[in-house]
């Protein structure tokens, strides 16, 4: 297995153990690939859930630009919901896992078809 495959396996484990969901491995793989080289950088591969500017970046760059959603209070509410599911006290909230859960939350799997 390559380094990316190892990371995907780690993300799938987080989804199972920390989020209580069975991941769609095909979608998780596509979301991970969509994150690009950020998954290999220790800082960029995680989301600091307690930093408002970081959450704004997730909203603007992922939800609006990537998923094509319209801005509104429902976007930040969805991010908060995902962070609650992941566990706010969990220090390693992986970007690919958060993006995967947001994609599922909004039913936007077709973006990765």
Protein backbone atom coordinates (compact mmCIF):
# COMPACT_ATOMS: atom_id res chain seq x y z
CA UNK A 1 0.00 0.00 0.00
CA UNK A 2 1.15 3.52 -0.76
CA UNK A 3 1.20 6.48 1.54
CA UNK A 4 -2.15 7.77 0.27
CA UNK A 5 -3.74 4.35 0.81
CA UNK A 6 -2.44 4.35 4.38
CA UNK A 7 -4.01 7.75 4.99
CA UNK A 8 -7.33 6.66 3.47
CA UNK A 9 -7.31 3.64 5.80
CA UNK A 10 -6.65 6.00 8.75
CA UNK A 11 -9.52 8.27 7.66
CA UNK A 12 -11.86 5.28 7.30
CA UNK A 13 -10.91 4.16 10.81
CA UNK A 14 -11.72 7.64 12.16
CA UNK A 15 -15.11 7.54 10.45
CA UNK A 16 -15.86 4.15 12.02
CA UNK A 17 -14.48 4.67 15.52
CA UNK A 18 -14.83 8.41 16.17
CA UNK A 19 -17.84 9.27 14.00
CA UNK A 20 -19.82 6.03 14.21
CA UNK A 21 -20.36 5.66 10.48
CA UNK A 22 -19.44 3.09 7.87
CA UNK A 23 -17.53 4.92 5.13
CA UNK A 24 -18.23 4.65 1.42
CA UNK A 25 -14.64 3.82 0.49
CA UNK A 26 -15.00 4.93 -3.13
CA UNK A 27 -16.27 8.37 -2.09
CA UNK A 28 -13.70 8.66 0.71
CA UNK A 29 -10.93 7.90 -1.79
CA UNK A 30 -12.22 10.55 -4.21
CA UNK A 31 -12.58 13.16 -1.46
CA UNK A 32 -9.05 12.38 -0.26
CA UNK A 33 -7.62 12.71 -3.77
CA UNK A 34 -9.54 16.00 -4.09
CA UNK A 35 -7.67 17.36 -1.08
CA UNK A 36 -4.48 17.15 -3.13
CA UNK A 37 -1.06 17.36 -1.50
CA UNK A 38 -2.55 18.91 1.65
CA UNK A 39 -3.08 15.39 3.05
CA UNK A 40 0.70 14.95 3.31
CA UNK A 41 1.30 18.16 5.28
CA UNK A 42 0.84 17.82 9.04
CA UNK A 43 -0.77 21.26 9.43
CA UNK A 44 -2.84 21.35 6.23
CA UNK A 45 -4.15 17.81 6.64
CA UNK A 46 -6.13 18.77 9.76
CA UNK A 47 -8.79 21.36 10.54
CA UNK A 48 -8.47 23.44 13.69
CA UNK A 49 -12.09 23.30 14.82
CA UNK A 50 -11.65 26.02 17.41
CA UNK A 51 -10.35 28.65 14.99
CA UNK A 52 -13.13 30.64 13.30
CA UNK A 53 -10.95 31.66 10.33
CA UNK A 54 -10.18 27.99 9.65
CA UNK A 55 -13.90 27.16 9.61
CA UNK A 56 -14.56 30.10 7.27
CA UNK A 57 -11.93 28.65 4.93
CA UNK A 58 -13.71 25.27 4.95
CA UNK A 59 -16.99 27.05 4.21
CA UNK A 60 -15.63 29.27 1.43
CA UNK A 61 -13.17 26.93 -0.29
CA UNK A 62 -14.97 23.62 0.11
CA UNK A 63 -18.69 24.11 0.61
CA UNK A 64 -19.14 27.10 -1.70
CA UNK A 65 -16.37 26.67 -4.29
CA UNK A 66 -16.06 22.88 -4.47
CA UNK A 67 -19.59 21.68 -3.66
CA UNK A 68 -21.27 24.70 -5.26
CA UNK A 69 -23.50 25.55 -2.30
CA UNK A 70 -24.98 29.00 -1.70
CA UNK A 71 -23.69 30.88 1.33
CA UNK A 72 -25.98 30.95 4.33
CA UNK A 73 -26.14 30.12 8.03
CA UNK A 74 -26.87 26.47 7.18
CA UNK A 75 -23.27 26.02 5.99
CA UNK A 76 -21.68 26.93 9.33
CA UNK A 77 -24.38 24.91 11.12
CA UNK A 78 -23.38 21.88 9.04
CA UNK A 79 -19.70 22.40 9.86
CA UNK A 80 -20.58 22.63 13.57
CA UNK A 81 -22.63 19.45 13.31
CA UNK A 82 -19.77 17.60 11.64
CA UNK A 83 -17.32 18.81 14.30
CA UNK A 84 -19.71 17.65 17.03
CA UNK A 85 -19.92 14.22 15.37
CA UNK A 86 -16.13 14.01 14.97
CA UNK A 87 -15.60 15.13 18.57
CA UNK A 88 -14.55 18.67 19.33
CA UNK A 89 -12.00 17.46 21.88
CA UNK A 90 -10.32 15.26 19.24
CA UNK A 91 -7.10 17.13 18.38
CA UNK A 92 -6.65 15.47 14.97
CA UNK A 93 -9.67 16.33 12.88
CA UNK A 94 -8.57 15.27 9.43
CA UNK A 95 -9.59 17.55 6.56
CA UNK A 96 -10.52 14.62 4.31
CA UNK A 97 -12.83 13.17 6.99
CA UNK A 98 -14.55 16.52 7.54
CA UNK A 99 -14.93 17.06 3.79
CA UNK A 100 -16.31 13.53 3.41
CA UNK A 101 -18.92 14.08 6.14
CA UNK A 102 -19.90 17.46 4.68
CA UNK A 103 -20.26 15.92 1.22
CA UNK A 104 -22.57 13.25 2.68
CA UNK A 105 -24.45 15.82 4.80
CA UNK A 106 -25.38 17.89 1.76
CA UNK A 107 -25.93 14.89 -0.55
CA UNK A 108 -23.30 16.20 -2.96
CA UNK A 109 -21.64 12.88 -3.78
CA UNK A 110 -22.27 13.62 -7.48
CA UNK A 111 -19.50 16.27 -7.35
CA UNK A 112 -17.05 13.36 -7.12
CA UNK A 113 -18.64 11.19 -9.84
